[in-house]
């Protein structure tokens, strides 16, 4: 199970995302309305969706880190990728809203050129959002949290959307006649970014909930550490699955076939203790002991 300190760090990171997105949503929406920028308003809608999804992440973190119980002997970690799916749903919904509004404005021949001051605001927002993306991603990878990494993906989407808005508004302002709809085209381009990032977030979360083999490098490290334990001749099968923040390992080790059951049992415990000491991210290890082949 995740430690109290790790859980505290995850919650702190998510609350930072919520507060940051709330401030940026208000700023983007206000500037977008005053500055006549559809791309800025679309950006604000995406940030608003991020606030909702961050609350979903909080619920997911709280539920997925609950201790194992009678009905859930492996814990509640699978709720974390479920929270990621809900988060992706908010992203796709916001993308569809932005797309519909942008297409409508392009077809209507929207001709209001955004104000120049929107570029200054957007430049600051891009820097802030990229910084949040890097920080939340770092925390997500450190804690092995797919929902935190999904939250980081929101910040990356937001930074890219703000960048596309910056380009679109610049073209609209400095391009002159005939380029007025560049702002709306930039907002439409942002939809593609959101949908692509949604797929990038969906794929690993889906693999996690399906116990897909995604950890070949980690499996090799587990095998290498296992054969260092006295009494282990080699390893055979090794399967690893992720539950929330932690990993569960199923490992077959090969020992001397002439050893007693008690001796094989002790070696298995030594391997388990060694792996849990070497890899803090491992929650538990189930070991099957195999005798080595008798020499002919």
Protein backbone atom coordinates (compact mmCIF):
# COMPACT_ATOMS: atom_id res chain seq x y z
CA UNK A 1 0.00 0.00 0.00
CA UNK A 2 1.13 3.56 -0.67
CA UNK A 3 2.72 5.31 2.33
CA UNK A 4 1.06 8.25 4.07
CA UNK A 5 3.82 10.55 2.82
CA UNK A 6 3.39 9.41 -0.80
CA UNK A 7 -0.36 9.89 -0.53
CA UNK A 8 0.17 13.35 0.96
CA UNK A 9 2.47 14.28 -1.94
CA UNK A 10 -0.06 13.04 -4.49
CA UNK A 11 -2.88 15.06 -2.89
CA UNK A 12 -0.70 18.16 -2.63
CA UNK A 13 0.21 17.88 -6.31
CA UNK A 14 -3.43 17.49 -7.36
CA UNK A 15 -4.58 20.44 -5.25
CA UNK A 16 -1.85 22.54 -6.86
CA UNK A 17 -3.33 21.57 -10.25
CA UNK A 18 -6.84 22.53 -9.15
CA UNK A 19 -5.81 25.93 -7.77
CA UNK A 20 -3.63 26.68 -10.79
CA UNK A 21 -6.36 25.69 -13.25
CA UNK A 22 -8.98 27.75 -11.41
CA UNK A 23 -6.85 30.89 -11.61
CA UNK A 24 -6.03 30.26 -15.27
CA UNK A 25 -9.65 29.49 -16.19
CA UNK A 26 -10.80 32.83 -14.78
CA UNK A 27 -7.92 34.66 -16.47
CA UNK A 28 -8.43 33.01 -19.86
CA UNK A 29 -12.19 33.41 -19.84
CA UNK A 30 -12.02 37.06 -18.84
CA UNK A 31 -9.31 37.93 -21.35
CA UNK A 32 -11.01 35.88 -24.09
CA UNK A 33 -14.32 37.71 -23.68
CA UNK A 34 -12.78 41.19 -23.36
CA UNK A 35 -10.20 40.53 -26.10
CA UNK A 36 -12.66 38.91 -28.57
CA UNK A 37 -10.68 35.66 -28.81
CA UNK A 38 -12.49 32.37 -29.51
CA UNK A 39 -9.23 30.47 -29.02
CA UNK A 40 -8.82 31.97 -25.55
CA UNK A 41 -12.41 31.11 -24.62
CA UNK A 42 -11.86 27.56 -25.90
CA UNK A 43 -8.71 27.41 -23.80
CA UNK A 44 -10.71 28.50 -20.76
CA UNK A 45 -13.30 25.77 -21.37
CA UNK A 46 -10.52 23.15 -21.49
CA UNK A 47 -9.04 24.46 -18.23
CA UNK A 48 -12.48 24.33 -16.62
CA UNK A 49 -12.76 20.68 -17.65
CA UNK A 50 -9.33 20.15 -16.10
CA UNK A 51 -10.61 21.42 -12.75
CA UNK A 52 -13.44 18.87 -12.81
CA UNK A 53 -11.11 16.07 -13.87
CA UNK A 54 -8.61 16.98 -11.13
CA UNK A 55 -11.37 16.50 -8.56
CA UNK A 56 -11.98 13.09 -10.14
CA UNK A 57 -8.26 12.38 -9.69
CA UNK A 58 -8.57 13.32 -5.99
CA UNK A 59 -11.43 10.86 -5.53
CA UNK A 60 -9.47 8.20 -7.41
CA UNK A 61 -6.35 8.75 -5.30
CA UNK A 62 -8.34 8.59 -2.08
CA UNK A 63 -10.19 5.42 -3.05
CA UNK A 64 -7.30 3.61 -4.76
CA UNK A 65 -5.00 4.03 -1.75
CA UNK A 66 -7.39 2.40 0.72
CA UNK A 67 -5.93 -0.61 2.52
CA UNK A 68 -6.88 -4.13 1.35
CA UNK A 69 -10.00 -5.58 2.97
CA UNK A 70 -11.96 -8.83 2.94
CA UNK A 71 -13.65 -8.08 -0.38
CA UNK A 72 -10.56 -6.50 -1.96
CA UNK A 73 -7.51 -8.53 -0.83
CA UNK A 74 -5.34 -6.87 -3.49
CA UNK A 75 -6.38 -3.40 -2.41
CA UNK A 76 -8.32 -0.79 -4.39
CA UNK A 77 -5.59 0.28 -6.83
CA UNK A 78 -7.63 -0.55 -9.94
CA UNK A 79 -9.81 2.46 -9.22
CA UNK A 80 -6.94 4.70 -10.31
CA UNK A 81 -7.08 3.80 -14.03
CA UNK A 82 -10.88 4.04 -13.77
CA UNK A 83 -10.42 7.61 -12.55
CA UNK A 84 -8.13 8.15 -15.54
CA UNK A 85 -10.92 6.98 -17.90
CA UNK A 86 -13.36 9.45 -16.32
CA UNK A 87 -10.76 12.19 -16.71
CA UNK A 88 -10.33 11.32 -20.39
CA UNK A 89 -14.10 11.56 -20.77
CA UNK A 90 -13.98 15.17 -19.58
CA UNK A 91 -11.17 15.91 -22.02
CA UNK A 92 -13.07 14.49 -25.00
CA UNK A 93 -16.25 16.32 -23.97
CA UNK A 94 -14.41 19.64 -23.76
CA UNK A 95 -12.82 18.96 -27.17
CA UNK A 96 -16.23 18.38 -28.78
CA UNK A 97 -17.60 21.63 -27.30
CA UNK A 98 -14.59 23.59 -28.52
CA UNK A 99 -14.82 21.99 -31.98
CA UNK A 100 -18.52 22.75 -32.37
CA UNK A 101 -18.07 26.40 -31.38
CA UNK A 102 -15.05 26.87 -33.64
CA UNK A 103 -16.72 25.36 -36.71
CA UNK A 104 -19.81 27.48 -36.15
CA UNK A 105 -17.74 30.69 -36.00
CA UNK A 106 -15.74 29.75 -39.12
CA UNK A 107 -18.91 28.98 -41.10
CA UNK A 108 -20.52 32.19 -39.88
CA UNK A 109 -17.49 34.15 -41.09
CA UNK A 110 -16.63 35.59 -37.69
CA UNK A 111 -14.62 38.78 -38.35
CA UNK A 112 -13.81 40.22 -34.91
CA UNK A 113 -10.04 40.43 -34.58
CA UNK A 114 -8.70 39.63 -31.09
CA UNK A 115 -6.99 42.36 -29.07
CA UNK A 116 -3.20 42.47 -28.95
CA UNK A 117 -3.02 42.27 -25.16
CA UNK A 118 -4.28 38.67 -25.34
CA UNK A 119 -0.85 37.68 -26.68
CA UNK A 120 0.90 38.94 -23.53
CA UNK A 121 -1.49 36.98 -21.30
CA UNK A 122 -1.12 33.84 -23.42
CA UNK A 123 2.67 34.01 -23.31
CA UNK A 124 2.57 34.00 -19.50
CA UNK A 125 0.00 31.18 -19.43
CA UNK A 126 2.12 28.96 -21.71
CA UNK A 127 5.09 29.24 -19.33
CA UNK A 128 2.94 28.52 -16.26
CA UNK A 129 1.16 25.53 -17.80
CA UNK A 130 4.35 23.94 -19.11
CA UNK A 131 5.93 24.30 -15.66
CA UNK A 132 2.87 22.64 -14.07
CA UNK A 133 3.03 19.85 -16.66
CA UNK A 134 6.67 19.05 -15.87
CA UNK A 135 6.09 19.14 -12.09
CA UNK A 136 2.93 16.99 -12.05
CA UNK A 137 4.48 14.51 -14.52
CA UNK A 138 7.55 14.21 -12.28
CA UNK A 139 5.33 13.48 -9.27
CA UNK A 140 3.21 11.03 -11.25
CA UNK A 141 6.20 9.00 -12.43
CA UNK A 142 7.83 9.07 -9.01
CA UNK A 143 4.66 7.74 -7.36
CA UNK A 144 3.73 5.38 -10.26
CA UNK A 145 0.35 7.13 -10.51
CA UNK A 146 -1.47 6.89 -13.85
CA UNK A 147 -4.09 9.40 -12.70
CA UNK A 148 -1.43 11.98 -11.79
CA UNK A 149 0.22 11.39 -15.17
CA UNK A 150 -3.21 11.93 -16.75
CA UNK A 151 -3.48 15.19 -14.84
CA UNK A 152 -0.04 16.16 -16.17
CA UNK A 153 -1.34 15.38 -19.64
CA UNK A 154 -4.04 18.00 -19.12
CA UNK A 155 -1.43 20.63 -18.37
CA UNK A 156 0.49 19.63 -21.50
CA UNK A 157 -2.70 19.83 -23.57
CA UNK A 158 -3.46 23.21 -22.07
CA UNK A 159 0.05 24.51 -22.84
CA UNK A 160 -0.19 23.30 -26.45
CA UNK A 161 -3.68 24.75 -26.82
CA UNK A 162 -2.44 28.09 -25.47
CA UNK A 163 0.46 27.93 -27.92
CA UNK A 164 -1.88 27.24 -30.85
CA UNK A 165 -4.10 30.10 -29.63
CA UNK A 166 -1.03 32.36 -29.53
CA UNK A 167 -0.20 31.50 -33.15
CA UNK A 168 -3.81 31.85 -34.30
CA UNK A 169 -4.32 35.20 -32.59
CA UNK A 170 -0.99 36.48 -33.97
CA UNK A 171 -2.05 35.56 -37.52
CA UNK A 172 -5.48 37.10 -36.98
CA UNK A 173 -4.00 40.36 -35.64
CA UNK A 174 -1.03 40.82 -37.96
CA UNK A 175 -2.32 39.01 -41.07
CA UNK A 176 -4.81 41.69 -41.94
CA UNK A 177 -7.93 41.22 -44.05
CA UNK A 178 -8.86 37.62 -44.78
CA UNK A 179 -7.14 36.20 -41.70
CA UNK A 180 -9.78 37.08 -39.12
CA UNK A 181 -10.87 33.44 -38.65
CA UNK A 182 -7.33 32.26 -37.84
CA UNK A 183 -8.27 32.52 -34.16
CA UNK A 184 -11.11 30.01 -34.63
CA UNK A 185 -8.91 27.73 -36.76
CA UNK A 186 -6.40 27.73 -33.89
CA UNK A 187 -9.15 26.67 -31.52
CA UNK A 188 -10.12 23.88 -33.93
CA UNK A 189 -6.50 22.74 -34.11
CA UNK A 190 -6.54 22.56 -30.30
CA UNK A 191 -9.29 19.94 -30.55
CA UNK A 192 -6.91 17.62 -32.40
CA UNK A 193 -4.30 18.10 -29.68
CA UNK A 194 -6.81 17.26 -26.94
CA UNK A 195 -8.03 14.12 -28.71
CA UNK A 196 -4.49 12.91 -29.41
CA UNK A 197 -3.45 13.44 -25.79
CA UNK A 198 -6.60 11.62 -24.68
CA UNK A 199 -5.42 8.56 -26.61
CA UNK A 200 -1.93 8.81 -25.08
CA UNK A 201 -3.50 8.81 -21.60
CA UNK A 202 -6.02 6.07 -22.41
CA UNK A 203 -3.56 3.49 -23.74
CA UNK A 204 -1.44 2.85 -20.59
CA UNK A 205 -4.47 3.09 -18.27
CA UNK A 206 -6.30 0.49 -20.39
CA UNK A 207 -3.23 -1.74 -20.34
CA UNK A 208 -3.05 -1.42 -16.57
CA UNK A 209 -6.66 -2.38 -15.94
CA UNK A 210 -6.31 -5.35 -18.34
CA UNK A 211 -3.07 -6.52 -16.63
CA UNK A 212 -1.25 -6.17 -19.94
CA UNK A 213 2.46 -6.99 -20.02
CA UNK A 214 3.94 -3.49 -20.03
CA UNK A 215 6.95 -3.92 -17.77
CA UNK A 216 9.63 -5.93 -19.60
CA UNK A 217 12.49 -3.78 -18.25
CA UNK A 218 11.19 -4.09 -14.70
CA UNK A 219 10.79 -7.88 -15.10
CA UNK A 220 14.44 -8.16 -16.15
CA UNK A 221 15.55 -6.17 -13.10
CA UNK A 222 13.49 -8.42 -10.81
CA UNK A 223 15.05 -11.54 -12.32
CA UNK A 224 18.57 -10.14 -12.03
CA UNK A 225 18.08 -9.28 -8.36
CA UNK A 226 16.48 -12.65 -7.61
CA UNK A 227 19.43 -14.75 -8.80
CA UNK A 228 21.70 -12.82 -6.43
CA UNK A 229 19.96 -14.50 -3.48
CA UNK A 230 21.80 -17.52 -2.07
CA UNK A 231 20.19 -20.76 -3.17
CA UNK A 232 18.59 -19.41 -6.34
CA UNK A 233 19.99 -21.13 -9.42
CA UNK A 234 17.89 -19.29 -11.98
CA UNK A 235 14.42 -17.87 -12.65
CA UNK A 236 11.67 -18.93 -15.04
CA UNK A 237 8.38 -17.12 -15.44
CA UNK A 238 7.91 -13.62 -14.09
CA UNK A 239 4.70 -11.62 -14.36
CA UNK A 240 4.18 -8.10 -13.07
CA UNK A 241 0.92 -6.19 -12.78
CA UNK A 242 0.19 -2.74 -11.46
CA UNK A 243 -2.38 -1.90 -8.79
CA UNK A 244 -2.64 1.85 -8.30
CA UNK A 245 0.77 3.06 -7.17
CA UNK A 246 2.30 -0.38 -6.53
CA UNK A 247 3.30 -3.54 -8.39
CA UNK A 248 2.53 -7.20 -7.68
CA UNK A 249 5.06 -9.80 -8.83
CA UNK A 250 4.50 -13.49 -9.66
CA UNK A 251 7.89 -15.21 -9.92
CA UNK A 252 9.15 -18.76 -10.52
CA UNK A 253 12.60 -19.50 -9.09
CA UNK A 254 14.74 -22.60 -9.65
CA UNK A 255 16.53 -24.17 -6.67
CA UNK A 256 18.45 -27.39 -5.99
CA UNK A 257 15.94 -30.23 -6.33
CA UNK A 258 17.59 -32.10 -3.42
CA UNK A 259 16.67 -29.37 -0.92
CA UNK A 260 13.90 -29.96 1.62
CA UNK A 261 10.55 -28.22 1.35
CA UNK A 262 11.53 -26.08 4.35
CA UNK A 263 14.81 -25.00 2.70
CA UNK A 264 13.04 -24.11 -0.56
CA UNK A 265 10.44 -22.18 1.43
CA UNK A 266 13.15 -20.20 3.24
CA UNK A 267 14.89 -19.32 -0.03
CA UNK A 268 11.58 -18.10 -1.46
CA UNK A 269 11.10 -15.84 1.57
CA UNK A 270 14.64 -14.52 1.18
CA UNK A 271 13.89 -13.62 -2.46
CA UNK A 272 10.64 -11.91 -1.50
CA UNK A 273 12.29 -9.89 1.27
CA UNK A 274 15.19 -8.95 -1.00
CA UNK A 275 12.92 -7.73 -3.82
CA UNK A 276 10.71 -5.69 -1.51
CA UNK A 277 13.80 -4.12 0.04
CA UNK A 278 15.36 -3.32 -3.37
CA UNK A 279 12.18 -2.05 -5.03
CA UNK A 280 9.98 0.17 -2.89
CA UNK A 281 7.30 0.15 -5.61
CA UNK A 282 6.69 -3.60 -5.13
CA UNK A 283 3.72 -4.27 -2.83
CA UNK A 284 3.95 -8.05 -2.75
CA UNK A 285 5.71 -11.01 -4.36
CA UNK A 286 4.24 -14.48 -4.93
CA UNK A 287 6.99 -17.05 -5.53
CA UNK A 288 6.71 -20.55 -6.96
CA UNK A 289 9.68 -22.82 -6.30
CA UNK A 290 10.86 -25.12 -9.11
CA UNK A 291 13.48 -27.90 -8.68
CA UNK A 292 16.36 -27.87 -11.11
CA UNK A 293 16.55 -30.69 -13.65
CA UNK A 294 18.42 -33.76 -12.41
CA UNK A 295 21.71 -34.34 -14.23
CA UNK A 296 21.64 -37.32 -16.61
